[in-house]
Amino acid sequence: MQRLKVDFDWFVGQLSSNEFRQGEPKGALLSLTHRQVLLENPKAHSDVMLILLSVNLGFNDPSFFATAPARIRSLIENNLKTESFSMTIRERAALATRFGRLSAPVMARLVSCGIAVLKAIESIACRYYCDQFRSEYDPITLIFDRIGRARNREELLLEESLFGWIANWSLTAPLRIPTSLNESHPLLAKYGERKSEQWTFDLNKMLKGKILFQDSKTQWLIQLADCAANTWAQTIGDYEGKNGFRELFLDPRTVQKKLASRRDTAGSGSPHGQNGGRFSSRVPGGLRSNGFPRDDLVTTSLFTCWQAP
């Protein structure tokens, strides 16, 4: 982490004054050149993952999120008599009232945060189960970019509803946990529980009291996330390739074709041989040698151009 911070601080030092807002580097203001420099940074830190998520809010019915707060309030109130493992009836009644007062943009933001947490937990299980990461399982912390004053309604709602959301989502779409993990693995031994013959995580054990809301002006990790996420968003928007962003994130199928071509021309004796051209020095070989499935390294949820098969 400290080495990554040193490199990110160096990156921020390269930015021009018009890429800052009130002294803070902003992803939306980065030049294309500096976005390219940004993406070189994590290549040197293969044990750190940046997972960029796009939440599609383009529903056919534009009233979906506008009516969601009232519908969620009604849903909670109609189920107050149902037993809850995490909240009392009084707490759920108060939660229903808070939800009913939300605006559509805040509702959409909360759902996006919930999805991001879900994917982060899955990634811990699927990609950080090797021996070298076992000392990092406690504590696991979540840091959100604070919006507004401390302990505002949005923060409280996210803290109160997050575990219930993920638990309910998991009923129809279980958390992805590698089948190779069992009760002897430290991650499951510390946070796991078995339900209906499937392993899942007790999120209260994992994250209770470890959800933080911090100001991006003082938290460099949020700044890094902002720069990467905005670059990802610009890439998605440049689907016709007219603005130069599309090449920042390569389609994994394109990467595989290029790697295959380089293998054919480079040969196994060259320093760029079987590991795939210029990607070879950036592949997290330590991760692969510790048991990751080879095809698991190429995935659309990551910076796929960094992951050779």
Protein backbone atom coordinates (compact mmCIF):
# COMPACT_ATOMS: atom_id res chain seq x y z
CA MET A 1 0.00 0.00 0.00
CA GLN A 2 2.76 2.44 0.91
CA ARG A 3 4.58 1.85 -2.38
CA LEU A 4 1.34 2.48 -4.27
CA LYS A 5 0.86 5.74 -2.36
CA VAL A 6 4.37 6.89 -3.29
CA ASP A 7 3.65 6.27 -6.96
CA PHE A 8 0.23 7.95 -6.79
CA ASP A 9 1.74 10.99 -5.05
CA TRP A 10 4.26 11.16 -7.90
CA PHE A 11 1.39 11.00 -10.42
CA VAL A 12 -0.47 13.84 -8.69
CA GLY A 13 2.76 15.87 -8.82
CA GLN A 14 2.74 15.61 -12.62
CA LEU A 15 -0.73 17.12 -13.01
CA SER A 16 -1.33 20.66 -14.22
CA SER A 17 -3.25 23.22 -12.18
CA ASN A 18 -6.39 22.87 -14.32
CA GLU A 19 -6.65 19.20 -13.28
CA PHE A 20 -7.33 20.19 -9.67
CA ARG A 21 -10.44 21.57 -8.04
CA GLN A 22 -9.91 23.41 -4.76
CA GLY A 23 -6.55 21.73 -4.35
CA GLU A 24 -7.81 18.20 -5.03
CA PRO A 25 -7.01 16.15 -8.15
CA LYS A 26 -10.22 15.29 -9.99
CA GLY A 27 -10.73 12.39 -12.37
CA ALA A 28 -13.17 14.38 -14.51
CA LEU A 29 -10.46 16.99 -15.21
CA LEU A 30 -7.62 14.66 -16.22
CA SER A 31 -6.12 14.97 -19.68
CA LEU A 32 -5.97 11.91 -21.91
CA THR A 33 -2.19 11.83 -21.52
CA HIS A 34 -2.39 11.81 -17.75
CA ARG A 35 -5.06 9.11 -17.84
CA GLN A 36 -2.57 6.98 -19.74
CA VAL A 37 0.04 7.71 -17.06
CA LEU A 38 -2.50 6.87 -14.35
CA LEU A 39 -3.10 3.41 -15.79
CA GLU A 40 0.62 2.68 -15.79
CA ASN A 41 0.67 3.16 -12.02
CA PRO A 42 -1.18 0.02 -10.82
CA LYS A 43 0.66 -2.16 -13.34
CA ALA A 44 3.64 -2.01 -11.02
CA HIS A 45 1.48 -3.12 -8.07
CA SER A 46 0.01 -6.42 -9.14
CA ASP A 47 -1.11 -7.34 -5.61
CA VAL A 48 -3.46 -4.33 -5.55
CA MET A 49 -6.70 -4.54 -7.51
CA LEU A 50 -8.86 -1.73 -8.81
CA ILE A 51 -12.29 -3.09 -9.71
CA LEU A 52 -14.33 -0.68 -11.80
CA LEU A 53 -18.08 -1.20 -11.85
CA SER A 54 -20.73 0.28 -14.10
CA VAL A 55 -24.26 0.28 -12.71
CA ASN A 56 -26.79 0.52 -15.50
CA LEU A 57 -29.56 2.91 -14.45
CA GLY A 58 -31.09 3.17 -17.93
CA PHE A 59 -34.37 1.42 -17.20
CA ASN A 60 -37.20 1.52 -19.70
CA ASP A 61 -39.41 3.00 -16.99
CA PRO A 62 -37.96 6.37 -15.91
CA SER A 63 -40.10 6.31 -12.78
CA PHE A 64 -38.29 3.23 -11.43
CA PHE A 65 -36.00 5.12 -9.05
CA ALA A 66 -38.42 7.97 -8.51
CA THR A 67 -40.94 5.59 -6.97
CA ALA A 68 -38.40 3.26 -5.35
CA PRO A 69 -38.12 5.03 -1.94
CA ALA A 70 -41.88 4.82 -1.31
CA ARG A 71 -42.04 1.21 -2.49
CA ILE A 72 -39.12 0.18 -0.28
CA ARG A 73 -40.73 1.90 2.71
CA SER A 74 -43.95 0.00 2.07
CA LEU A 75 -42.06 -3.27 1.66
CA ILE A 76 -40.25 -2.87 4.98
CA GLU A 77 -43.39 -1.83 6.83
CA ASN A 78 -45.36 -4.79 5.44
CA ASN A 79 -42.68 -7.18 6.71
CA LEU A 80 -42.13 -5.78 10.19
CA LYS A 81 -43.57 -8.94 11.76
CA THR A 82 -41.04 -11.08 9.92
CA GLU A 83 -38.12 -12.01 12.15
CA SER A 84 -34.86 -10.23 11.36
CA PHE A 85 -31.43 -11.43 12.45
CA SER A 86 -29.93 -7.94 12.40
CA MET A 87 -32.56 -5.35 13.39
CA THR A 88 -35.40 -4.95 15.86
CA ILE A 89 -38.94 -4.04 14.76
CA ARG A 90 -38.48 -0.48 16.02
CA GLU A 91 -35.18 -0.11 14.12
CA ARG A 92 -36.77 -1.40 10.90
CA ALA A 93 -39.73 0.95 11.28
CA ALA A 94 -37.32 3.89 11.58
CA LEU A 95 -35.39 2.58 8.58
CA ALA A 96 -38.59 2.45 6.52
CA THR A 97 -39.32 6.09 7.35
CA ARG A 98 -35.82 7.16 6.32
CA PHE A 99 -36.10 5.31 3.01
CA GLY A 100 -39.44 6.93 2.26
CA ARG A 101 -37.85 10.38 2.44
CA LEU A 102 -35.05 9.67 -0.05
CA SER A 103 -34.77 11.36 -3.43
CA ALA A 104 -34.32 9.28 -6.59
CA PRO A 105 -30.61 10.27 -7.09
CA VAL A 106 -29.74 9.32 -3.50
CA MET A 107 -31.59 6.02 -3.88
CA ALA A 108 -29.63 5.22 -7.04
CA ARG A 109 -26.36 6.11 -5.31
CA LEU A 110 -27.11 3.85 -2.35
CA VAL A 111 -27.92 0.91 -4.64
CA SER A 112 -24.67 1.51 -6.55
CA CYS A 113 -22.71 1.50 -3.28
CA GLY A 114 -24.36 -1.77 -2.26
CA ILE A 115 -23.41 -3.41 -5.56
CA ALA A 116 -19.83 -2.16 -5.20
CA VAL A 117 -19.55 -3.69 -1.72
CA LEU A 118 -20.96 -6.98 -2.98
CA LYS A 119 -18.37 -7.15 -5.77
CA ALA A 120 -15.55 -6.17 -3.42
CA ILE A 121 -16.43 -9.02 -1.04
CA GLU A 122 -16.58 -11.48 -3.91
CA SER A 123 -13.18 -10.32 -5.12
CA ILE A 124 -11.63 -10.81 -1.70
CA ALA A 125 -12.89 -14.40 -1.72
CA CYS A 126 -12.02 -15.17 -5.35
CA ARG A 127 -8.70 -13.35 -5.74
CA TYR A 128 -7.14 -12.86 -2.34
CA TYR A 129 -7.35 -16.37 -0.94
CA CYS A 130 -3.64 -17.20 -1.46
CA ASP A 131 -1.26 -17.65 1.46
CA GLN A 132 0.43 -14.27 0.99
CA PHE A 133 -2.79 -12.36 1.74
CA ARG A 134 -3.96 -14.23 4.84
CA SER A 135 -2.50 -11.68 7.22
CA GLU A 136 -4.66 -8.99 5.59
CA TYR A 137 -8.08 -10.43 6.52
CA ASP A 138 -8.43 -8.50 9.74
CA PRO A 139 -9.48 -5.81 9.57
CA ILE A 140 -11.29 -5.48 6.26
CA THR A 141 -12.45 -1.88 5.93
CA LEU A 142 -14.70 -0.08 3.47
CA ILE A 143 -14.05 3.60 2.74
CA PHE A 144 -16.72 5.66 0.99
CA ASP A 145 -16.39 9.15 -0.40
CA ARG A 146 -18.35 11.32 2.00
CA ILE A 147 -21.20 13.39 0.56
CA GLY A 148 -22.29 16.25 2.78
CA ARG A 149 -21.81 16.51 6.52
CA ALA A 150 -20.62 13.66 8.71
CA ARG A 151 -23.21 11.12 9.89
CA ASN A 152 -25.83 12.40 7.43
CA ARG A 153 -28.93 10.42 6.51
CA GLU A 154 -27.29 8.80 3.49
CA GLU A 155 -24.41 7.44 5.56
CA LEU A 156 -26.71 6.10 8.24
CA LEU A 157 -29.00 4.44 5.71
CA LEU A 158 -26.12 2.73 3.96
CA GLU A 159 -24.75 1.39 7.23
CA GLU A 160 -28.15 0.17 8.39
CA SER A 161 -29.36 -1.41 5.15
CA LEU A 162 -26.17 -2.68 3.53
CA PHE A 163 -25.95 -6.06 5.24
CA GLY A 164 -29.62 -6.80 4.75
CA TRP A 165 -29.46 -5.91 1.06
CA ILE A 166 -26.50 -8.17 0.36
CA ALA A 167 -28.01 -11.00 2.42
CA ASN A 168 -31.27 -10.78 0.43
CA TRP A 169 -29.50 -10.46 -2.92
CA SER A 170 -27.50 -13.56 -2.01
CA LEU A 171 -30.68 -15.62 -1.75
CA THR A 172 -31.12 -15.47 -5.53
CA ALA A 173 -27.51 -14.74 -6.56
CA PRO A 174 -25.18 -16.32 -3.98
CA LEU A 175 -21.83 -14.71 -3.27
CA ARG A 176 -19.12 -16.22 -5.42
CA ILE A 177 -16.80 -18.21 -3.16
CA PRO A 178 -14.25 -20.58 -4.75
CA THR A 179 -15.13 -24.22 -4.23
CA SER A 180 -11.53 -24.84 -3.18
CA LEU A 181 -12.13 -22.85 0.02
CA ASN A 182 -13.32 -24.84 3.03
CA GLU A 183 -13.77 -24.30 6.75
CA SER A 184 -10.02 -24.58 7.35
CA HIS A 185 -9.26 -21.52 5.22
CA PRO A 186 -8.68 -18.44 7.43
CA LEU A 187 -11.18 -16.32 5.48
CA LEU A 188 -14.02 -18.78 6.06
CA ALA A 189 -12.83 -19.67 9.55
CA LYS A 190 -13.06 -16.00 10.53
CA TYR A 191 -16.12 -14.81 8.61
CA GLY A 192 -17.82 -17.80 6.98
CA GLU A 193 -21.08 -19.52 7.77
CA ARG A 194 -22.77 -22.42 6.05
CA LYS A 195 -26.35 -21.99 4.84
CA SER A 196 -28.30 -24.54 2.78
CA GLU A 197 -25.13 -26.47 1.97
CA GLN A 198 -23.41 -23.30 0.71
CA TRP A 199 -20.73 -21.16 2.24
CA THR A 200 -21.48 -17.48 2.67
CA PHE A 201 -20.08 -14.66 4.80
CA ASP A 202 -21.37 -13.23 8.05
CA LEU A 203 -21.12 -9.58 7.03
CA ASN A 204 -21.67 -8.37 10.57
CA LYS A 205 -18.51 -10.16 11.63
CA MET A 206 -16.61 -8.95 8.59
CA LEU A 207 -17.66 -5.31 8.35
CA LYS A 208 -19.58 -4.16 11.42
CA GLY A 209 -17.96 -0.95 12.63
CA LYS A 210 -15.50 -0.97 9.71
CA ILE A 211 -17.45 1.14 7.21
CA LEU A 212 -15.84 4.57 6.97
CA PHE A 213 -16.91 7.78 5.26
CA GLN A 214 -14.02 10.12 4.52
CA ASP A 215 -13.37 13.33 2.61
CA SER A 216 -11.65 12.78 -0.73
CA LYS A 217 -9.56 15.91 -0.12
CA THR A 218 -7.61 14.06 2.56
CA GLN A 219 -7.98 10.40 1.48
CA TRP A 220 -5.69 9.50 -1.40
CA LEU A 221 -7.35 6.11 -1.94
CA ILE A 222 -10.61 7.84 -2.81
CA GLN A 223 -8.73 10.18 -5.15
CA LEU A 224 -7.21 7.18 -6.92
CA ALA A 225 -10.62 5.52 -7.17
CA ASP A 226 -12.15 8.72 -8.55
CA CYS A 227 -9.47 9.09 -11.24
CA ALA A 228 -9.76 5.43 -12.27
CA ALA A 229 -13.57 5.34 -12.22
CA ASN A 230 -13.91 8.51 -14.29
CA THR A 231 -11.40 7.16 -16.81
CA TRP A 232 -13.46 3.97 -17.02
CA ALA A 233 -16.63 6.04 -17.55
CA GLN A 234 -14.96 8.08 -20.30
CA THR A 235 -13.89 4.84 -21.97
CA ILE A 236 -17.44 3.48 -21.94
CA GLY A 237 -18.70 6.76 -23.41
CA ASP A 238 -16.15 6.57 -26.21
CA TYR A 239 -17.62 3.39 -27.67
CA GLU A 240 -16.99 4.63 -31.23
CA GLY A 241 -13.34 5.32 -30.44
CA LYS A 242 -13.44 8.97 -31.55
CA ASN A 243 -11.91 10.54 -28.44
CA GLY A 244 -8.97 8.22 -27.80
CA PHE A 245 -10.33 6.71 -24.59
CA ARG A 246 -11.39 3.32 -25.91
CA GLU A 247 -7.82 2.04 -26.14
CA LEU A 248 -7.25 2.70 -22.42
CA PHE A 249 -9.18 -0.47 -21.55
CA LEU A 250 -8.87 -3.27 -24.04
CA ASP A 251 -11.51 -5.93 -24.60
CA PRO A 252 -10.12 -9.18 -23.10
CA ARG A 253 -10.71 -10.99 -26.37
CA THR A 254 -8.56 -8.40 -28.16
CA VAL A 255 -5.85 -8.84 -25.53
CA GLN A 256 -5.86 -12.61 -25.96
CA LYS A 257 -5.54 -12.32 -29.74
CA LYS A 258 -2.61 -9.91 -29.39
CA LEU A 259 -0.93 -12.15 -26.84
CA ALA A 260 -1.38 -15.19 -29.06
CA SER A 261 0.15 -13.27 -31.96
CA ARG A 262 3.12 -12.21 -29.86
CA ARG A 263 3.71 -15.78 -28.70
CA ASP A 264 3.84 -16.88 -32.31
CA THR A 265 6.42 -14.22 -33.21
CA ALA A 266 8.47 -13.89 -30.02
CA GLY A 267 9.16 -17.51 -29.16
CA SER A 268 9.59 -18.98 -25.72
CA GLY A 269 13.26 -18.06 -25.48
CA SER A 270 12.70 -14.31 -25.53
CA PRO A 271 12.02 -12.26 -22.38
CA HIS A 272 8.54 -11.56 -23.76
CA GLY A 273 7.84 -15.10 -24.88
CA GLN A 274 5.18 -17.25 -23.31
CA ASN A 275 4.03 -14.66 -20.81
CA GLY A 276 2.64 -12.43 -23.50
CA GLY A 277 4.74 -9.55 -24.80
CA ARG A 278 4.86 -6.33 -22.86
CA PHE A 279 2.29 -7.67 -20.43
CA SER A 280 4.70 -10.30 -19.14
CA SER A 281 6.38 -8.17 -16.49
CA ARG A 282 3.00 -6.93 -15.28
CA VAL A 283 1.24 -10.25 -14.85
CA PRO A 284 0.73 -11.05 -11.15
CA GLY A 285 2.84 -14.16 -11.43
CA GLY A 286 2.91 -14.59 -7.66
CA LEU A 287 -0.84 -14.83 -7.68
CA ARG A 288 -0.90 -17.28 -10.53
CA SER A 289 1.76 -19.50 -8.97
CA ASN A 290 -0.26 -19.60 -5.76
CA GLY A 291 -3.22 -21.31 -7.33
CA PHE A 292 -5.31 -18.91 -9.41
CA PRO A 293 -6.97 -20.56 -12.39
CA ARG A 294 -5.25 -19.24 -15.51
CA ASP A 295 -8.46 -18.16 -17.21
CA ASP A 296 -9.50 -16.37 -14.02
CA LEU A 297 -6.94 -13.65 -14.74
CA VAL A 298 -8.83 -12.38 -17.78
CA THR A 299 -12.08 -10.81 -16.66
CA THR A 300 -14.13 -7.82 -17.67
CA SER A 301 -14.43 -6.67 -14.06
CA LEU A 302 -10.74 -5.74 -13.90
CA PHE A 303 -8.28 -3.74 -15.91
CA THR A 304 -8.23 -6.61 -18.35
CA CYS A 305 -5.35 -5.31 -20.42
CA TRP A 306 -3.03 -5.99 -17.48
CA GLN A 307 -3.97 -9.63 -17.03
CA ALA A 308 -2.35 -12.12 -19.37
CA PRO A 309 -3.91 -15.60 -19.47
